[in-house]
Protein backbone atom coordinates (compact mmCIF):
# COMPACT_ATOMS: atom_id res chain seq x y z
CA MET A 1 -121.93 -60.62 -23.94
CA LYS A 2 -122.78 -58.41 -26.66
CA PRO A 3 -120.50 -57.88 -29.60
CA VAL A 4 -118.54 -54.99 -29.49
CA VAL A 5 -118.99 -53.50 -32.82
CA ARG A 6 -122.77 -52.72 -33.35
CA SER A 7 -122.56 -51.04 -36.99
CA LEU A 8 -119.73 -50.29 -39.72
CA LEU A 9 -121.01 -46.84 -39.61
CA GLU A 10 -119.60 -46.63 -36.03
CA THR A 11 -116.11 -45.46 -37.11
CA ASP A 12 -114.78 -41.68 -37.66
CA LEU A 13 -116.04 -40.24 -40.69
CA TYR A 14 -112.60 -39.42 -41.89
CA LYS A 15 -112.03 -43.07 -42.60
CA PHE A 16 -114.65 -42.85 -45.07
CA THR A 17 -112.97 -39.71 -46.76
CA MET A 18 -109.48 -41.08 -46.73
CA TRP A 19 -111.11 -44.11 -48.29
CA GLN A 20 -112.95 -42.64 -51.15
CA ALA A 21 -110.04 -40.63 -51.78
CA LEU A 22 -107.61 -43.57 -51.99
CA LEU A 23 -109.64 -45.88 -54.07
CA HIS A 24 -110.13 -43.51 -56.47
CA ARG A 25 -106.48 -42.36 -56.58
CA HIS A 26 -104.74 -45.06 -55.48
CA PRO A 27 -106.35 -48.27 -55.39
CA GLY A 28 -103.70 -50.52 -55.88
CA ALA A 29 -101.90 -49.30 -52.78
CA HIS A 30 -100.61 -52.10 -50.17
CA GLY A 31 -100.59 -50.96 -46.40
CA GLU A 32 -99.25 -52.46 -43.17
CA TYR A 33 -100.74 -51.23 -40.16
CA GLU A 34 -99.75 -51.88 -36.68
CA PHE A 35 -101.35 -51.86 -33.22
CA LYS A 36 -99.58 -49.80 -30.20
CA CYS A 37 -100.06 -49.29 -26.62
CA ARG A 38 -97.96 -46.47 -25.47
CA ASN A 39 -98.47 -46.53 -21.73
CA GLN A 40 -98.45 -49.22 -19.15
CA PRO A 41 -101.98 -50.78 -18.62
CA GLU A 42 -103.18 -52.23 -15.19
CA PHE A 43 -103.86 -55.55 -17.05
CA PRO A 44 -101.49 -56.96 -19.20
CA LEU A 45 -103.23 -56.77 -22.87
CA ALA A 46 -101.98 -60.18 -23.74
CA GLU A 47 -104.58 -61.40 -21.80
CA LEU A 48 -107.54 -60.45 -24.48
CA LYS A 49 -105.83 -61.90 -27.54
CA GLU A 50 -108.62 -64.74 -27.50
CA ALA A 51 -111.55 -62.33 -27.14
CA VAL A 52 -110.16 -59.98 -29.34
CA GLU A 53 -110.18 -62.60 -32.19
CA ARG A 54 -113.88 -63.57 -31.59
CA GLU A 55 -114.40 -60.14 -31.81
CA LEU A 56 -112.87 -59.49 -35.18
CA ASP A 57 -114.45 -62.34 -36.70
CA HIS A 58 -117.52 -61.12 -35.85
CA LEU A 59 -116.34 -57.74 -37.32
CA CYS A 60 -116.19 -59.46 -40.61
CA SER A 61 -119.01 -60.91 -40.71
CA LEU A 62 -120.76 -57.59 -41.02
CA MET A 63 -121.78 -55.67 -44.18
CA PHE A 64 -123.30 -51.76 -44.41
CA THR A 65 -126.96 -51.97 -44.57
CA ASP A 66 -128.91 -50.29 -47.27
CA GLU A 67 -130.19 -47.88 -44.81
CA GLU A 68 -126.62 -47.06 -43.69
CA VAL A 69 -125.42 -46.83 -47.08
CA ALA A 70 -128.54 -44.39 -48.32
CA TYR A 71 -126.93 -42.53 -45.29
CA LEU A 72 -123.51 -42.30 -46.66
CA ARG A 73 -125.37 -41.31 -49.61
CA SER A 74 -126.91 -38.17 -48.31
CA LEU A 75 -123.67 -36.56 -47.40
CA ARG A 76 -122.70 -34.58 -50.76
CA PHE A 77 -119.07 -35.57 -50.55
CA ILE A 78 -119.72 -39.35 -50.85
CA LYS A 79 -119.87 -40.22 -54.69
CA SER A 80 -122.32 -42.78 -55.92
CA ASP A 81 -119.50 -45.17 -56.95
CA PHE A 82 -117.83 -45.14 -53.82
CA ALA A 83 -121.11 -45.66 -51.81
CA ASP A 84 -121.77 -48.78 -54.33
CA PHE A 85 -118.38 -50.20 -53.47
CA LEU A 86 -119.63 -50.38 -49.75
CA THR A 87 -122.78 -52.04 -50.61
CA VAL A 88 -120.70 -55.12 -51.31
CA PHE A 89 -117.40 -54.68 -49.20
CA ARG A 90 -116.81 -56.95 -46.12
CA PHE A 91 -113.55 -57.13 -44.01
CA GLN A 92 -111.29 -59.90 -44.47
CA ARG A 93 -110.18 -62.02 -41.75
CA LYS A 94 -107.12 -63.19 -43.22
CA PHE A 95 -105.73 -59.63 -43.48
CA ILE A 96 -105.60 -58.93 -40.03
CA THR A 97 -103.54 -61.02 -37.24
CA VAL A 98 -103.52 -61.07 -33.49
CA GLU A 99 -100.20 -62.38 -31.60
CA THR A 100 -98.76 -61.62 -28.06
CA ASP A 101 -95.30 -60.87 -27.24
CA GLY A 102 -95.06 -61.59 -23.32
CA PRO A 103 -97.85 -59.32 -21.93
CA HIS A 104 -98.35 -57.08 -25.12
CA LEU A 105 -100.85 -57.70 -27.84
CA ARG A 106 -99.50 -57.48 -31.23
CA ILE A 107 -102.19 -56.64 -33.98
CA LYS A 108 -101.12 -56.40 -37.83
CA ALA A 109 -103.31 -55.43 -40.87
CA VAL A 110 -101.66 -56.27 -43.95
CA GLY A 111 -103.11 -55.81 -47.31
CA PRO A 112 -104.51 -53.59 -50.08
CA VAL A 113 -104.90 -50.12 -48.21
CA VAL A 114 -108.64 -50.07 -49.36
CA HIS A 115 -109.24 -53.59 -47.84
CA VAL A 116 -107.11 -52.91 -44.45
CA MET A 117 -107.33 -49.04 -43.57
CA GLY A 118 -110.58 -49.46 -42.05
CA PHE A 119 -109.60 -51.93 -39.50
CA GLU A 120 -107.97 -49.42 -37.40
CA ILE A 121 -110.82 -47.58 -35.03
CA TYR A 122 -112.68 -50.87 -34.62
CA VAL A 123 -109.53 -52.56 -32.91
CA LEU A 124 -109.17 -49.39 -31.02
CA TYR A 125 -112.68 -49.51 -29.51
CA ILE A 126 -112.42 -53.25 -29.57
CA VAL A 127 -109.66 -53.40 -27.46
CA ASN A 128 -110.54 -50.57 -25.18
CA GLU A 129 -113.87 -52.00 -24.26
CA LEU A 130 -112.71 -55.26 -24.08
CA TYR A 131 -110.19 -54.06 -21.28
CA PHE A 132 -112.70 -51.81 -19.42
CA ARG A 133 -115.01 -54.44 -19.03
CA ARG A 134 -112.71 -55.65 -16.32
CA PHE A 135 -113.16 -53.11 -14.44
CA ASP A 136 -116.14 -52.11 -11.80
CA GLN A 137 -118.49 -51.04 -14.50
CA ALA A 138 -121.29 -49.38 -11.96
CA GLY A 139 -118.87 -47.88 -10.53
CA ALA A 140 -116.86 -46.35 -13.12
CA LEU A 141 -120.15 -45.31 -14.76
CA LEU A 142 -121.29 -43.58 -11.17
CA GLU A 143 -118.13 -41.36 -11.72
CA ALA A 144 -118.25 -41.00 -15.26
CA ARG A 145 -121.56 -39.32 -15.05
CA LYS A 146 -120.66 -37.21 -12.02
CA ARG A 147 -117.69 -35.72 -14.12
CA LEU A 148 -119.81 -35.40 -17.54
CA ALA A 149 -122.16 -33.23 -15.11
CA GLY A 150 -118.90 -31.09 -14.13
CA LYS A 151 -118.48 -30.35 -17.64
CA ILE A 152 -121.50 -29.52 -18.34
CA ALA A 153 -122.18 -27.17 -15.54
CA GLU A 154 -118.69 -25.46 -16.98
CA LEU A 155 -119.97 -24.69 -20.28
CA ARG A 156 -123.30 -23.49 -18.76
CA ALA A 157 -121.06 -21.21 -16.62
CA PHE A 158 -119.32 -20.01 -19.83
CA ASP A 159 -122.51 -18.69 -21.24
CA LYS A 160 -121.89 -15.58 -18.44
CA GLU A 161 -118.67 -14.75 -19.80
CA PRO A 162 -118.42 -12.33 -22.65
CA HIS A 163 -117.88 -14.35 -25.61
CA ARG A 164 -115.60 -13.68 -28.74
CA SER A 165 -116.58 -12.73 -32.15
CA ASN A 166 -116.58 -16.03 -33.38
CA PRO A 167 -118.52 -18.76 -31.58
CA PHE A 168 -117.27 -21.68 -29.16
CA GLU A 169 -117.88 -25.27 -30.74
CA PHE A 170 -116.97 -28.58 -29.73
CA PHE A 171 -117.23 -31.81 -31.00
CA ASP A 172 -116.92 -35.52 -29.86
CA PHE A 173 -113.83 -37.37 -31.22
CA GLY A 174 -114.17 -40.27 -28.48
CA VAL A 175 -114.70 -43.27 -30.55
CA ARG A 176 -111.40 -44.82 -30.30
CA ARG A 177 -110.95 -45.09 -26.83
CA ARG A 178 -114.27 -44.80 -25.28
CA PHE A 179 -115.04 -46.26 -22.10
CA SER A 180 -117.58 -48.49 -23.97
CA GLY A 181 -120.35 -48.31 -27.02
CA ASP A 182 -123.19 -47.73 -24.19
CA TRP A 183 -120.96 -45.08 -22.15
CA HIS A 184 -120.17 -43.24 -25.49
CA ASP A 185 -124.09 -43.53 -26.84
CA GLU A 186 -124.94 -41.64 -23.54
CA VAL A 187 -122.39 -39.08 -23.43
CA VAL A 188 -123.33 -37.79 -27.14
CA ARG A 189 -127.02 -38.25 -26.14
CA THR A 190 -126.59 -36.22 -23.10
CA LEU A 191 -124.63 -33.25 -24.89
CA ALA A 192 -126.74 -32.85 -27.65
CA ARG A 193 -129.45 -32.07 -25.32
CA GLU A 194 -127.93 -30.05 -22.57
CA VAL A 195 -125.83 -27.57 -24.13
CA PRO A 196 -126.48 -27.87 -28.00
CA GLN A 197 -125.77 -24.14 -28.43
CA TYR A 198 -121.95 -25.49 -27.99
CA PHE A 199 -121.98 -29.27 -29.02
CA LYS A 200 -122.03 -29.33 -32.90
CA GLY A 201 -121.01 -32.91 -34.09
CA THR A 202 -119.39 -36.30 -33.79
CA SER A 203 -116.48 -37.75 -35.45
CA ASN A 204 -118.78 -41.09 -35.24
CA VAL A 205 -120.80 -41.44 -38.02
CA HIS A 206 -123.15 -44.26 -36.33
CA LEU A 207 -124.02 -41.68 -33.45
CA ALA A 208 -124.28 -38.84 -36.11
CA ARG A 209 -126.85 -40.67 -37.79
CA LYS A 210 -128.98 -41.75 -34.81
CA TYR A 211 -128.87 -38.32 -33.30
CA ASN A 212 -129.35 -36.13 -36.32
CA LEU A 213 -125.88 -34.63 -36.00
CA VAL A 214 -123.27 -33.45 -37.95
CA PRO A 215 -120.47 -36.00 -38.81
CA ILE A 216 -117.05 -34.17 -38.07
CA GLY A 217 -113.76 -34.84 -39.86
CA THR A 218 -111.52 -35.02 -42.98
CA MET A 219 -108.21 -36.23 -43.03
CA ALA A 220 -105.58 -38.26 -40.56
CA HIS A 221 -102.08 -38.92 -40.86
CA GLU A 222 -102.15 -42.22 -42.65
CA TYR A 223 -103.67 -40.26 -45.81
CA MET A 224 -100.59 -38.33 -45.70
CA GLN A 225 -98.09 -40.47 -44.70
CA ALA A 226 -98.90 -42.82 -47.78
CA PHE A 227 -98.07 -40.13 -50.15
CA GLN A 228 -94.39 -40.78 -48.90
CA SER A 229 -94.38 -44.12 -50.74
CA PHE A 230 -96.67 -43.07 -54.14
CA GLY A 231 -93.80 -42.06 -56.20
CA VAL A 232 -93.54 -38.28 -55.84
CA ARG A 233 -90.05 -36.92 -54.41
CA LEU A 234 -90.54 -37.15 -50.71
CA ARG A 235 -89.64 -33.80 -50.14
CA ASP A 236 -92.93 -33.08 -52.10
CA PHE A 237 -94.97 -35.64 -50.52
CA GLN A 238 -97.69 -33.13 -48.65
CA LYS A 239 -98.25 -30.72 -51.74
CA ALA A 240 -99.22 -34.25 -53.69
CA ALA A 241 -101.44 -35.32 -50.38
CA LEU A 242 -103.34 -31.75 -50.82
CA GLU A 243 -103.53 -31.87 -54.61
CA ASP A 244 -104.83 -34.86 -54.32
CA TRP A 245 -107.68 -33.70 -51.67
CA VAL A 246 -108.23 -30.89 -53.57
CA GLN A 247 -109.37 -32.53 -56.96
CA GLU A 248 -111.25 -35.50 -55.04
CA TYR A 249 -113.36 -33.10 -52.71
CA ARG A 250 -113.27 -29.60 -54.55
CA GLY A 251 -113.83 -27.60 -51.62
CA ASP A 252 -115.51 -29.66 -49.42
CA LEU A 253 -113.99 -31.26 -46.38
CA GLY A 254 -111.28 -28.40 -46.29
CA THR A 255 -109.40 -29.11 -43.09
CA ALA A 256 -106.02 -29.79 -43.91
CA LEU A 257 -104.16 -31.87 -40.93
CA THR A 258 -100.54 -30.01 -40.23
CA ASP A 259 -97.93 -32.17 -38.28
CA VAL A 260 -96.67 -35.37 -40.40
CA VAL A 261 -93.81 -33.62 -40.60
CA GLY A 262 -93.93 -30.55 -38.30
CA MET A 263 -95.88 -27.39 -38.34
CA ASN A 264 -92.56 -25.85 -40.13
CA ALA A 265 -92.23 -28.16 -42.64
CA PHE A 266 -96.15 -28.26 -43.59
CA LEU A 267 -96.00 -24.67 -43.75
CA ASN A 268 -93.61 -24.54 -46.26
CA ASP A 269 -95.50 -26.44 -48.45
CA PHE A 270 -98.74 -24.52 -47.76
CA ASP A 271 -98.71 -21.67 -50.01
CA LEU A 272 -101.13 -19.00 -51.30
CA TYR A 273 -102.98 -21.87 -53.71
CA PHE A 274 -103.21 -24.00 -50.79
CA ALA A 275 -104.55 -21.58 -47.99
CA LYS A 276 -106.82 -20.41 -50.28
CA LEU A 277 -108.25 -23.42 -50.80
CA PHE A 278 -108.60 -25.07 -47.84
CA ASP A 279 -111.01 -23.80 -44.98
CA GLY A 280 -108.66 -24.08 -42.43
CA LEU A 281 -106.09 -26.30 -40.17
CA ARG A 282 -106.04 -29.03 -37.69
CA HIS A 283 -103.77 -29.58 -34.81
CA ASP A 284 -102.78 -32.62 -33.04
CA SER A 285 -99.35 -32.02 -31.79
CA GLY A 286 -96.96 -29.55 -29.98
CA ASP A 287 -98.08 -26.59 -28.35
CA PRO A 288 -101.12 -25.63 -29.40
CA VAL A 289 -100.75 -21.79 -28.59
CA GLU A 290 -97.37 -21.69 -30.57
CA TRP A 291 -99.43 -23.91 -33.24
CA GLY A 292 -102.05 -21.33 -33.79
CA GLU A 293 -99.75 -18.50 -33.74
CA LYS A 294 -98.29 -19.78 -36.63
CA ALA A 295 -100.87 -20.24 -38.54
CA ILE A 296 -102.21 -16.79 -37.76
CA ALA A 297 -99.00 -15.23 -38.75
CA HIS A 298 -98.85 -17.70 -41.83
CA TYR A 299 -102.14 -16.59 -43.07
CA HIS A 300 -101.36 -12.51 -42.49
CA LYS A 301 -97.95 -13.40 -44.63
CA LEU A 302 -99.93 -14.98 -47.32
CA ARG A 303 -102.46 -11.53 -47.04
CA ILE A 304 -105.68 -13.74 -46.20
CA ASP A 305 -107.56 -12.62 -43.43
CA PRO A 306 -107.13 -15.47 -40.59
CA ARG A 307 -111.08 -14.36 -39.57
CA THR A 308 -112.15 -15.77 -42.86
CA LYS A 309 -110.16 -19.48 -41.86
CA ARG A 310 -110.61 -21.73 -39.25
CA LEU A 311 -108.20 -23.60 -36.67
CA VAL A 312 -109.58 -27.26 -35.52
CA PHE A 313 -107.77 -28.20 -32.10
CA SER A 314 -107.65 -31.96 -31.34
CA ASP A 315 -104.82 -32.79 -29.37
CA SER A 316 -105.34 -34.45 -25.80
CA LEU A 317 -108.36 -31.68 -25.21
CA SER A 318 -110.54 -31.42 -22.07
CA VAL A 319 -113.16 -29.40 -21.73
CA PRO A 320 -111.20 -26.41 -19.61
CA LYS A 321 -108.32 -26.71 -22.06
CA ALA A 322 -110.43 -25.85 -25.42
CA LEU A 323 -112.27 -22.86 -23.50
CA SER A 324 -108.73 -21.67 -22.50
CA LEU A 325 -108.19 -21.96 -26.49
CA TYR A 326 -111.27 -20.01 -27.43
CA ARG A 327 -110.49 -17.11 -25.05
CA HIS A 328 -107.33 -16.62 -27.01
CA PHE A 329 -107.75 -17.29 -30.23
CA GLY A 330 -111.67 -16.30 -30.84
CA ASP A 331 -111.66 -12.90 -31.77
CA ARG A 332 -108.98 -13.47 -34.39
CA ILE A 333 -109.86 -16.66 -36.35
CA MET A 334 -112.99 -19.15 -36.22
CA THR A 335 -112.08 -21.86 -34.02
CA GLY A 336 -113.21 -25.68 -33.35
CA PHE A 337 -112.54 -28.22 -30.62
CA GLY A 338 -112.38 -31.84 -31.14
CA ILE A 339 -112.27 -33.57 -27.54
CA GLY A 340 -111.80 -37.32 -27.50
CA THR A 341 -110.99 -39.38 -24.71
CA ARG A 342 -111.59 -36.62 -21.92
CA LEU A 343 -115.53 -37.17 -23.05
CA THR A 344 -115.81 -40.72 -23.48
CA ASN A 345 -113.13 -42.28 -21.20
CA ASP A 346 -113.21 -39.61 -18.45
CA THR A 347 -113.84 -42.34 -15.41
CA GLY A 348 -111.13 -42.42 -12.69
CA ILE A 349 -109.62 -45.50 -14.44
CA GLU A 350 -106.60 -44.32 -16.36
CA PRO A 351 -107.26 -44.43 -20.06
CA LEU A 352 -105.45 -46.82 -22.33
CA ASN A 353 -102.89 -44.73 -25.04
CA ILE A 354 -102.98 -46.68 -28.11
CA VAL A 355 -102.96 -46.17 -31.70
CA MET A 356 -103.08 -48.32 -34.89
CA LYS A 357 -100.74 -46.67 -37.42
CA LEU A 358 -99.91 -46.80 -41.06
CA VAL A 359 -96.15 -48.15 -41.25
CA ARG A 360 -95.23 -49.31 -44.13
CA CYS A 361 -96.72 -48.62 -47.54
CA ASN A 362 -96.30 -50.29 -51.19
CA GLY A 363 -93.01 -52.20 -49.68
CA GLN A 364 -91.36 -49.05 -47.61
CA ALA A 365 -91.46 -47.69 -44.71
CA VAL A 366 -93.69 -44.39 -43.84
CA ALA A 367 -93.86 -41.99 -40.80
CA LYS A 368 -95.05 -39.30 -38.71
CA LEU A 369 -92.50 -36.71 -37.04
CA ALA A 370 -94.86 -35.22 -34.80
CA ASP A 371 -94.44 -31.59 -33.12
CA THR A 372 -94.69 -33.65 -29.70
CA PRO A 373 -92.07 -36.09 -28.96
CA GLY A 374 -93.44 -39.30 -28.14
CA LYS A 375 -96.06 -38.80 -30.88
CA SER A 376 -93.87 -39.65 -34.06
CA GLN A 377 -93.80 -43.21 -35.16
CA CYS A 378 -91.37 -45.23 -37.40
CA THR A 379 -90.60 -49.17 -37.69
CA ASP A 380 -87.42 -47.98 -40.07
CA GLU A 381 -84.71 -45.99 -38.04
CA THR A 382 -83.01 -45.12 -41.46
CA PHE A 383 -86.29 -43.72 -43.04
CA LEU A 384 -86.86 -41.97 -39.93
CA ALA A 385 -83.69 -40.20 -39.97
CA TYR A 386 -83.74 -39.52 -44.00
CA LEU A 387 -87.04 -37.98 -43.18
CA ARG A 388 -86.22 -35.86 -40.77
CA GLN A 389 -82.81 -34.86 -42.85
CA VAL A 390 -84.98 -33.84 -45.54
CA PHE A 391 -87.67 -31.70 -43.40
CA ASN A 392 -84.92 -30.37 -40.85
CA HIS A 393 -87.28 -31.95 -38.10
CA TYR A 394 -85.56 -32.48 -34.80
CA VAL A 395 -88.18 -32.55 -32.36
């Protein structure tokens, strides 16, 4: 059986953008990442332990090729010294462990953040692909192709609707929970061929390079969470994270993530300075319509024309949900839609709801307080309670 990881480029773009920012500004940070499955899988994930160990051994044998680094250098926001770092980088097996706890799989990556942060996406799609290999492949792919054809038909039917003043654009965000690498490749290739007027890119850097698509991504929760441990007053960690991002990218990659401690707390920090510097905001928890209305109201309050900004939706999206949100917001603000599992793992088999999150940084707990109950994560209840109090967040 061929290895799951085919290329070190096959990860989300925001892994590279966060990696560069943290390497330049906080190279000594130490982090702990933990794997978690939020739902009950059909087969105990603990049974995958030996196979996961083999796949991690393979991952740690890989290095970026000259051609892959040259592609990254071609992206204007990737700096020369970071590309040079990647030419000698190799994942260290000693920093990641795999254990079992009854039916559960326990995977931890502990070490310098710039050496362990990259494990996340590979671990997630390794576990996902190994799990789904146990099902009937032909039957699953037959159903997946039928459902993909239905999505394409729905998008073609949308052609006949009166469009809003801003275009409808969606992206593939499905690398981490995909059915398989081959199916992910087929989905992206098919969408790029069949609906190029709407399909505008992928977070998968390997597939972006392969199919000459725009790689999509800016920052994730771990980047913002890390600043809870970087010596700034806890109340100010979001402003510190946004300021470092501005200084690192100076106008590029201008989509800010809003739900590390909830939308309300984010908007309290997202003042006129940041609202002018960032191109838009990304939604990842809570009611998307309510979130979008809050964002538009905030821009109006700051006397910024919302039509000059963009809202990117990325929480549990499907094509119908994306189209519905576009119909609601498309005349008032630019939009974008990152669709993940429902593009790359829509087979009729229940997907795994797996994550691998930063839980400690520099020896202290860090947390995410999402606007959706169940998406918050922290291993230290005392710190979580303190964070809720500081930001008045009680979802």
